[in-house]
Amino acid sequence: MPEICRFYGIIIRMYLIDREHPPQPIYIKYGENEAVMELTHLNIIEGKLPKKCRQLVKEWAEIHQQELIKKYDCKV
């Protein structure tokens, strides 16, 4: 799974194309914490992140949401 962004020690990854399971989630790793966030409503659907990290990721995802949906062929 390719890394699509890295900031403040947060690593964001996403499978490139998976037409069978739209919309694509993003996978987040921060230290020993891991979580999965869905792109439609930007909710954590699996795992846990510290509150500050979760907020940073959500802000980043809001900015890039439409770009990710379009670039990675997600259907929302």
PDB file of N, CA and C in Angstrom:
ATOM      1  N   MET A   1       0.858  -1.165   0.000  1.00  0.00           N
ATOM      2  CA  MET A   1       0.000   0.000   0.000  1.00  0.00           C
ATOM      3  C   MET A   1       0.908   1.234   0.000  1.00  0.00           C
ATOM      4  N   PRO A   2       0.764   2.104  -0.980  1.00  0.00           N
ATOM      5  CA  PRO A   2       1.647   3.257  -1.082  1.00  0.00           C
ATOM      6  C   PRO A   2       1.362   4.340  -0.037  1.00  0.00           C
ATOM      7  N   GLU A   3       2.429   4.990   0.370  1.00  0.00           N
ATOM      8  CA  GLU A   3       2.328   6.127   1.273  1.00  0.00           C
ATOM      9  C   GLU A   3       1.960   7.343   0.422  1.00  0.00           C
ATOM     10  N   ILE A   4       0.924   8.071   0.836  1.00  0.00           N
ATOM     11  CA  ILE A   4       0.526   9.236   0.050  1.00  0.00           C
ATOM     12  C   ILE A   4       0.865  10.556   0.733  1.00  0.00           C
ATOM     13  N   CYS A   5       1.152  10.523   2.035  1.00  0.00           N
ATOM     14  CA  CYS A   5       1.507  11.745   2.741  1.00  0.00           C
ATOM     15  C   CYS A   5       2.174  11.398   4.074  1.00  0.00           C
ATOM     16  N   ARG A   6       3.027  12.327   4.518  1.00  0.00           N
ATOM     17  CA  ARG A   6       3.680  12.174   5.822  1.00  0.00           C
ATOM     18  C   ARG A   6       3.858  13.573   6.408  1.00  0.00           C
ATOM     19  N   PHE A   7       3.389  13.778   7.624  1.00  0.00           N
ATOM     20  CA  PHE A   7       3.551  15.064   8.295  1.00  0.00           C
ATOM     21  C   PHE A   7       3.475  14.862   9.801  1.00  0.00           C
ATOM     22  N   TYR A   8       4.275  15.610  10.551  1.00  0.00           N
ATOM     23  CA  TYR A   8       4.306  15.542  12.014  1.00  0.00           C
ATOM     24  C   TYR A   8       4.384  14.117  12.551  1.00  0.00           C
ATOM     25  N   GLY A   9       5.083  13.254  11.857  1.00  0.00           N
ATOM     26  CA  GLY A   9       5.214  11.869  12.293  1.00  0.00           C
ATOM     27  C   GLY A   9       4.008  11.001  11.955  1.00  0.00           C
ATOM     28  N   ILE A  10       3.044  11.563  11.248  1.00  0.00           N
ATOM     29  CA  ILE A  10       1.831  10.835  10.848  1.00  0.00           C
ATOM     30  C   ILE A  10       2.055  10.325   9.427  1.00  0.00           C
ATOM     31  N   ILE A  11       1.796   9.053   9.215  1.00  0.00           N
ATOM     32  CA  ILE A  11       1.944   8.456   7.886  1.00  0.00           C
ATOM     33  C   ILE A  11       0.556   8.076   7.384  1.00  0.00           C
ATOM     34  N   ILE A  12       0.235   8.524   6.169  1.00  0.00           N
ATOM     35  CA  ILE A  12      -1.060   8.220   5.570  1.00  0.00           C
ATOM     36  C   ILE A  12      -0.828   7.385   4.324  1.00  0.00           C
ATOM     37  N   ARG A  13      -1.528   6.265   4.266  1.00  0.00           N
ATOM     38  CA  ARG A  13      -1.430   5.343   3.135  1.00  0.00           C
ATOM     39  C   ARG A  13      -2.823   5.069   2.587  1.00  0.00           C
ATOM     40  N   MET A  14      -2.830   4.618   1.323  1.00  0.00           N
ATOM     41  CA  MET A  14      -4.114   4.325   0.700  1.00  0.00           C
ATOM     42  C   MET A  14      -3.885   3.367  -0.454  1.00  0.00           C
ATOM     43  N   TYR A  15      -4.740   2.352  -0.550  1.00  0.00           N
ATOM     44  CA  TYR A  15      -4.683   1.476  -1.714  1.00  0.00           C
ATOM     45  C   TYR A  15      -5.058   2.294  -2.933  1.00  0.00           C
ATOM     46  N   LEU A  16      -4.408   2.043  -4.054  1.00  0.00           N
ATOM     47  CA  LEU A  16      -4.649   2.853  -5.239  1.00  0.00           C
ATOM     48  C   LEU A  16      -6.028   2.649  -5.838  1.00  0.00           C
ATOM     49  N   ILE A  17      -6.415   1.432  -6.131  1.00  0.00           N
ATOM     50  CA  ILE A  17      -7.723   1.193  -6.736  1.00  0.00           C
ATOM     51  C   ILE A  17      -8.322  -0.076  -6.140  1.00  0.00           C
ATOM     52  N   ASP A  18      -9.533   0.035  -5.681  1.00  0.00           N
ATOM     53  CA  ASP A  18     -10.275  -1.123  -5.201  1.00  0.00           C
ATOM     54  C   ASP A  18     -11.743  -0.851  -5.484  1.00  0.00           C
ATOM     55  N   ARG A  19     -12.151  -1.099  -6.693  1.00  0.00           N
ATOM     56  CA  ARG A  19     -13.514  -0.783  -7.112  1.00  0.00           C
ATOM     57  C   ARG A  19     -14.561  -1.626  -6.382  1.00  0.00           C
ATOM     58  N   GLU A  20     -14.140  -2.706  -5.732  1.00  0.00           N
ATOM     59  CA  GLU A  20     -15.088  -3.566  -5.041  1.00  0.00           C
ATOM     60  C   GLU A  20     -15.512  -3.008  -3.687  1.00  0.00           C
ATOM     61  N   HIS A  21     -14.738  -2.101  -3.113  1.00  0.00           N
ATOM     62  CA  HIS A  21     -15.031  -1.595  -1.771  1.00  0.00           C
ATOM     63  C   HIS A  21     -15.000  -0.072  -1.706  1.00  0.00           C
ATOM     64  N   PRO A  22     -15.723   0.618  -2.580  1.00  0.00           N
ATOM     65  CA  PRO A  22     -15.724   2.080  -2.488  1.00  0.00           C
ATOM     66  C   PRO A  22     -16.564   2.548  -1.316  1.00  0.00           C
ATOM     67  N   PRO A  23     -16.359   3.719  -0.753  1.00  0.00           N
ATOM     68  CA  PRO A  23     -15.207   4.571  -1.000  1.00  0.00           C
ATOM     69  C   PRO A  23     -13.987   4.073  -0.252  1.00  0.00           C
ATOM     70  N   GLN A  24     -12.843   4.441  -0.747  1.00  0.00           N
ATOM     71  CA  GLN A  24     -11.584   3.984  -0.174  1.00  0.00           C
ATOM     72  C   GLN A  24     -11.345   4.578   1.209  1.00  0.00           C
ATOM     73  N   PRO A  25     -10.856   3.804   2.132  1.00  0.00           N
ATOM     74  CA  PRO A  25     -10.423   4.382   3.398  1.00  0.00           C
ATOM     75  C   PRO A  25      -8.955   4.799   3.287  1.00  0.00           C
ATOM     76  N   ILE A  26      -8.536   5.642   4.213  1.00  0.00           N
ATOM     77  CA  ILE A  26      -7.118   5.946   4.333  1.00  0.00           C
ATOM     78  C   ILE A  26      -6.632   5.275   5.613  1.00  0.00           C
ATOM     79  N   TYR A  27      -5.394   4.847   5.588  1.00  0.00           N
ATOM     80  CA  TYR A  27      -4.788   4.125   6.707  1.00  0.00           C
ATOM     81  C   TYR A  27      -3.768   5.050   7.350  1.00  0.00           C
ATOM     82  N   ILE A  28      -3.882   5.235   8.650  1.00  0.00           N
ATOM     83  CA  ILE A  28      -3.061   6.195   9.368  1.00  0.00           C
ATOM     84  C   ILE A  28      -2.202   5.465  10.388  1.00  0.00           C
ATOM     85  N   LYS A  29      -0.936   5.867  10.447  1.00  0.00           N
ATOM     86  CA  LYS A  29      -0.035   5.331  11.460  1.00  0.00           C
ATOM     87  C   LYS A  29       0.652   6.513  12.130  1.00  0.00           C
ATOM     88  N   TYR A  30       0.640   6.508  13.448  1.00  0.00           N
ATOM     89  CA  TYR A  30       1.292   7.551  14.231  1.00  0.00           C
ATOM     90  C   TYR A  30       1.954   6.866  15.415  1.00  0.00           C
ATOM     91  N   GLY A  31       3.257   6.712  15.349  1.00  0.00           N
ATOM     92  CA  GLY A  31       3.962   5.966  16.390  1.00  0.00           C
ATOM     93  C   GLY A  31       3.453   4.536  16.413  1.00  0.00           C
ATOM     94  N   GLU A  32       2.963   4.100  17.559  1.00  0.00           N
ATOM     95  CA  GLU A  32       2.416   2.753  17.681  1.00  0.00           C
ATOM     96  C   GLU A  32       0.905   2.711  17.457  1.00  0.00           C
ATOM     97  N   ASN A  33       0.311   3.860  17.179  1.00  0.00           N
ATOM     98  CA  ASN A  33      -1.138   3.945  16.947  1.00  0.00           C
ATOM     99  C   ASN A  33      -1.440   3.776  15.467  1.00  0.00           C
ATOM    100  N   GLU A  34      -2.494   3.038  15.187  1.00  0.00           N
ATOM    101  CA  GLU A  34      -2.944   2.848  13.807  1.00  0.00           C
ATOM    102  C   GLU A  34      -4.451   2.990  13.765  1.00  0.00           C
ATOM    103  N   ALA A  35      -4.946   3.536  12.645  1.00  0.00           N
ATOM    104  CA  ALA A  35      -6.386   3.708  12.478  1.00  0.00           C
ATOM    105  C   ALA A  35      -6.734   3.714  10.998  1.00  0.00           C
ATOM    106  N   VAL A  36      -8.014   3.539  10.725  1.00  0.00           N
ATOM    107  CA  VAL A  36      -8.542   3.586   9.365  1.00  0.00           C
ATOM    108  C   VAL A  36      -9.649   4.638   9.354  1.00  0.00           C
ATOM    109  N   MET A  37      -9.595   5.546   8.379  1.00  0.00           N
ATOM    110  CA  MET A  37     -10.598   6.602   8.250  1.00  0.00           C
ATOM    111  C   MET A  37     -11.286   6.477   6.902  1.00  0.00           C
ATOM    112  N   GLU A  38     -12.608   6.487   6.906  1.00  0.00           N
ATOM    113  CA  GLU A  38     -13.334   6.437   5.639  1.00  0.00           C
ATOM    114  C   GLU A  38     -13.416   7.850   5.068  1.00  0.00           C
ATOM    115  N   LEU A  39     -13.438   7.956   3.738  1.00  0.00           N
ATOM    116  CA  LEU A  39     -13.375   9.257   3.084  1.00  0.00           C
ATOM    117  C   LEU A  39     -14.706   9.985   2.981  1.00  0.00           C
ATOM    118  N   THR A  40     -15.814   9.297   3.063  1.00  0.00           N
ATOM    119  CA  THR A  40     -17.103   9.952   2.884  1.00  0.00           C
ATOM    120  C   THR A  40     -17.389  10.964   3.984  1.00  0.00           C
ATOM    121  N   HIS A  41     -17.320  10.527   5.247  1.00  0.00           N
ATOM    122  CA  HIS A  41     -17.645  11.399   6.374  1.00  0.00           C
ATOM    123  C   HIS A  41     -16.436  11.678   7.260  1.00  0.00           C
ATOM    124  N   LEU A  42     -15.285  11.135   6.883  1.00  0.00           N
ATOM    125  CA  LEU A  42     -14.019  11.329   7.602  1.00  0.00           C
ATOM    126  C   LEU A  42     -14.100  10.858   9.052  1.00  0.00           C
ATOM    127  N   ASN A  43     -14.711   9.700   9.238  1.00  0.00           N
ATOM    128  CA  ASN A  43     -14.797   9.085  10.561  1.00  0.00           C
ATOM    129  C   ASN A  43     -13.775   7.969  10.685  1.00  0.00           C
ATOM    130  N   ILE A  44     -13.232   7.810  11.882  1.00  0.00           N
ATOM    131  CA  ILE A  44     -12.362   6.675  12.177  1.00  0.00           C
ATOM    132  C   ILE A  44     -13.266   5.451  12.283  1.00  0.00           C
ATOM    133  N   ILE A  45     -12.975   4.438  11.476  1.00  0.00           N
ATOM    134  CA  ILE A  45     -13.820   3.243  11.497  1.00  0.00           C
ATOM    135  C   ILE A  45     -13.116   2.052  12.138  1.00  0.00           C
ATOM    136  N   GLU A  46     -11.827   2.212  12.400  1.00  0.00           N
ATOM    137  CA  GLU A  46     -11.079   1.130  13.035  1.00  0.00           C
ATOM    138  C   GLU A  46      -9.837   1.722  13.685  1.00  0.00           C
ATOM    139  N   GLY A  47      -9.489   1.220  14.850  1.00  0.00           N
ATOM    140  CA  GLY A  47      -8.283   1.663  15.535  1.00  0.00           C
ATOM    141  C   GLY A  47      -8.499   2.933  16.338  1.00  0.00           C
ATOM    142  N   LYS A  48      -7.382   3.467  16.861  1.00  0.00           N
ATOM    143  CA  LYS A  48      -7.421   4.662  17.696  1.00  0.00           C
ATOM    144  C   LYS A  48      -6.234   5.554  17.380  1.00  0.00           C
ATOM    145  N   LEU A  49      -6.443   6.850  17.553  1.00  0.00           N
ATOM    146  CA  LEU A  49      -5.384   7.849  17.432  1.00  0.00           C
ATOM    147  C   LEU A  49      -5.517   8.829  18.584  1.00  0.00           C
ATOM    148  N   PRO A  50      -4.392   9.419  19.025  1.00  0.00           N
ATOM    149  CA  PRO A  50      -4.515  10.485  20.019  1.00  0.00           C
ATOM    150  C   PRO A  50      -5.371  11.622  19.443  1.00  0.00           C
ATOM    151  N   LYS A  51      -6.042  12.335  20.309  1.00  0.00           N
ATOM    152  CA  LYS A  51      -6.989  13.371  19.886  1.00  0.00           C
ATOM    153  C   LYS A  51      -6.351  14.390  18.941  1.00  0.00           C
ATOM    154  N   LYS A  52      -5.181  14.908  19.273  1.00  0.00           N
ATOM    155  CA  LYS A  52      -4.520  15.919  18.433  1.00  0.00           C
ATOM    156  C   LYS A  52      -4.183  15.351  17.059  1.00  0.00           C
ATOM    157  N   CYS A  53      -3.685  14.130  17.024  1.00  0.00           N
ATOM    158  CA  CYS A  53      -3.364  13.465  15.757  1.00  0.00           C
ATOM    159  C   CYS A  53      -4.622  13.265  14.929  1.00  0.00           C
ATOM    160  N   ARG A  54      -5.674  12.809  15.558  1.00  0.00           N
ATOM    161  CA  ARG A  54      -6.949  12.586  14.869  1.00  0.00           C
ATOM    162  C   ARG A  54      -7.457  13.887  14.239  1.00  0.00           C
ATOM    163  N   GLN A  55      -7.329  14.986  14.967  1.00  0.00           N
ATOM    164  CA  GLN A  55      -7.777  16.279  14.457  1.00  0.00           C
ATOM    165  C   GLN A  55      -6.916  16.735  13.272  1.00  0.00           C
ATOM    166  N   LEU A  56      -5.603  16.556  13.364  1.00  0.00           N
ATOM    167  CA  LEU A  56      -4.713  16.922  12.249  1.00  0.00           C
ATOM    168  C   LEU A  56      -5.040  16.116  10.994  1.00  0.00           C
ATOM    169  N   VAL A  57      -5.260  14.826  11.178  1.00  0.00           N
ATOM    170  CA  VAL A  57      -5.586  13.970  10.031  1.00  0.00           C
ATOM    171  C   VAL A  57      -6.925  14.374   9.429  1.00  0.00           C
ATOM    172  N   LYS A  58      -7.887  14.675  10.268  1.00  0.00           N
ATOM    173  CA  LYS A  58      -9.207  15.071   9.760  1.00  0.00           C
ATOM    174  C   LYS A  58      -9.104  16.379   8.971  1.00  0.00           C
ATOM    175  N   GLU A  59      -8.341  17.335   9.477  1.00  0.00           N
ATOM    176  CA  GLU A  59      -8.153  18.597   8.763  1.00  0.00           C
ATOM    177  C   GLU A  59      -7.462  18.358   7.420  1.00  0.00           C
ATOM    178  N   TRP A  60      -6.425  17.527   7.424  1.00  0.00           N
ATOM    179  CA  TRP A  60      -5.724  17.202   6.179  1.00  0.00           C
ATOM    180  C   TRP A  60      -6.686  16.533   5.201  1.00  0.00           C
ATOM    181  N   ALA A  61      -7.473  15.577   5.690  1.00  0.00           N
ATOM    182  CA  ALA A  61      -8.394  14.836   4.830  1.00  0.00           C
ATOM    183  C   ALA A  61      -9.484  15.744   4.263  1.00  0.00           C
ATOM    184  N   GLU A  62      -9.957  16.715   5.046  1.00  0.00           N
ATOM    185  CA  GLU A  62     -10.961  17.652   4.537  1.00  0.00           C
ATOM    186  C   GLU A  62     -10.412  18.443   3.352  1.00  0.00           C
ATOM    187  N   ILE A  63      -9.168  18.858   3.451  1.00  0.00           N
ATOM    188  CA  ILE A  63      -8.531  19.625   2.381  1.00  0.00           C
ATOM    189  C   ILE A  63      -8.366  18.774   1.121  1.00  0.00           C
ATOM    190  N   HIS A  64      -8.005  17.506   1.291  1.00  0.00           N
ATOM    191  CA  HIS A  64      -7.663  16.635   0.162  1.00  0.00           C
ATOM    192  C   HIS A  64      -8.754  15.636  -0.222  1.00  0.00           C
ATOM    193  N   GLN A  65      -9.890  15.693   0.427  1.00  0.00           N
ATOM    194  CA  GLN A  65     -10.936  14.691   0.244  1.00  0.00           C
ATOM    195  C   GLN A  65     -11.336  14.513  -1.223  1.00  0.00           C
ATOM    196  N   GLN A  66     -11.716  15.555  -1.907  1.00  0.00           N
ATOM    197  CA  GLN A  66     -12.173  15.432  -3.289  1.00  0.00           C
ATOM    198  C   GLN A  66     -11.043  14.977  -4.212  1.00  0.00           C
ATOM    199  N   GLU A  67      -9.842  15.460  -3.960  1.00  0.00           N
ATOM    200  CA  GLU A  67      -8.676  15.044  -4.748  1.00  0.00           C
ATOM    201  C   GLU A  67      -8.431  13.537  -4.595  1.00  0.00           C
ATOM    202  N   LEU A  68      -8.517  13.033  -3.381  1.00  0.00           N
ATOM    203  CA  LEU A  68      -8.299  11.606  -3.140  1.00  0.00           C
ATOM    204  C   LEU A  68      -9.393  10.767  -3.776  1.00  0.00           C
ATOM    205  N   ILE A  69     -10.619  11.221  -3.653  1.00  0.00           N
ATOM    206  CA  ILE A  69     -11.733  10.492  -4.242  1.00  0.00           C
ATOM    207  C   ILE A  69     -11.555  10.402  -5.746  1.00  0.00           C
ATOM    208  N   LYS A  70     -11.203  11.517  -6.359  1.00  0.00           N
ATOM    209  CA  LYS A  70     -11.025  11.544  -7.822  1.00  0.00           C
ATOM    210  C   LYS A  70      -9.776  10.782  -8.258  1.00  0.00           C
ATOM    211  N   LYS A  71      -8.651  11.056  -7.614  1.00  0.00           N
ATOM    212  CA  LYS A  71      -7.369  10.456  -8.011  1.00  0.00           C
ATOM    213  C   LYS A  71      -7.357   8.948  -7.837  1.00  0.00           C
ATOM    214  N   TYR A  72      -7.948   8.476  -6.766  1.00  0.00           N
ATOM    215  CA  TYR A  72      -7.899   7.054  -6.489  1.00  0.00           C
ATOM    216  C   TYR A  72      -9.175   6.327  -6.891  1.00  0.00           C
ATOM    217  N   ASP A  73      -9.960   6.987  -7.738  1.00  0.00           N
ATOM    218  CA  ASP A  73     -11.104   6.349  -8.380  1.00  0.00           C
ATOM    219  C   ASP A  73     -12.130   5.821  -7.388  1.00  0.00           C
ATOM    220  N   CYS A  74     -12.368   6.591  -6.340  1.00  0.00           N
ATOM    221  CA  CYS A  74     -13.367   6.203  -5.349  1.00  0.00           C
ATOM    222  C   CYS A  74     -14.726   6.710  -5.808  1.00  0.00           C
ATOM    223  N   LYS A  75     -15.768   5.980  -5.475  1.00  0.00           N
ATOM    224  CA  LYS A  75     -17.134   6.403  -5.796  1.00  0.00           C
ATOM    225  C   LYS A  75     -17.830   6.761  -4.500  1.00  0.00           C
ATOM    226  N   VAL A  76     -18.203   8.041  -4.357  1.00  0.00           N
ATOM    227  CA  VAL A  76     -18.886   8.488  -3.134  1.00  0.00           C
ATOM    228  C   VAL A  76     -20.304   8.868  -3.478  1.00  0.00           C
TER     229      VAL A  76
END
